[in-house]
Amino acid sequence: MDLLYVSFIQFFQGINYSILIGFVISASALAIAPGPDNIFVLTQSLSNGVKSGLATVVGLVSGCLVHTTLLAFGVSEIIKRSDVLFNAIKIFGALYLLYLAYKVYRSDAPILLNQNKMQSKGLTRLFRVGFTMNVLNPKVTIFFLAFFPGFLFSDTLNTVIQFYVLGLLFMLVAFLIFSSIALLAGNISHYLTKHPRAGWYLKWLQIIVFLGIAIYLFLSNK
């Protein structure tokens, strides 16, 4: 027990907290800045309410754990150096988003706002969509590779441990900010129900968001 206590104390003594604070501030600014992920959370929350938005948030944030693992064990560097692998992941991700846009387009009716209940299957599906969108975006992996090494906060801790600490902090920050967007959008949706064509507009807004992210991903470079 004494050895465990000493190791615990040494762990926290070796941390540069100013670097971690700087990382949290930077991660917060990045999460707040308009981008494909928070726009997708916004459209899902407006379309189907807060629960749907939060399910999407959990999926998106969970995908960051995959990118953190790739970074921690050096796979990100392989993806960065291989044009073939990078482009293959990028094209597959873009095609997946086009498929999602097609699914929304083929839906029988406009999106219904503020459904009182969401089936667990629907929430699970939204989690999978968010998770898959994040994992199949190689730019997130490259971003982690470029962003995280500049915030290594200890000269004594193993680098793998430091990357996982940074990854979990990034996930926490993203979850709090994206969840706030979902909650705010969910409240706005109460007002949109008064507009008879709001569901039709939001259906096409989702299609445009999926297409926009797919085009952005397809045209993006390292």
Foldseek 3Di string as FASTA:
>chain_A
DVVVVVVVVVVVVQFDVVLVVVLLVVLLVVLPPDDLLLLLLLLQCLQEHLLLSLLLLLLQLVLLLVLLVCLLVVVLVVCQVDPVNVLVLLLVLLVVLLVVLVVLVPDDDFGDAPDVDDDPVSSNVSSNVSNSNNNSQSVSSVCLNVPQVVRQTGPPDDSSVSSVVSSVSSSVSNSVVSSVSSNVSNVVSVVLNVPPCSRVVSSVVSSVSSNVVSVCSNPDDD
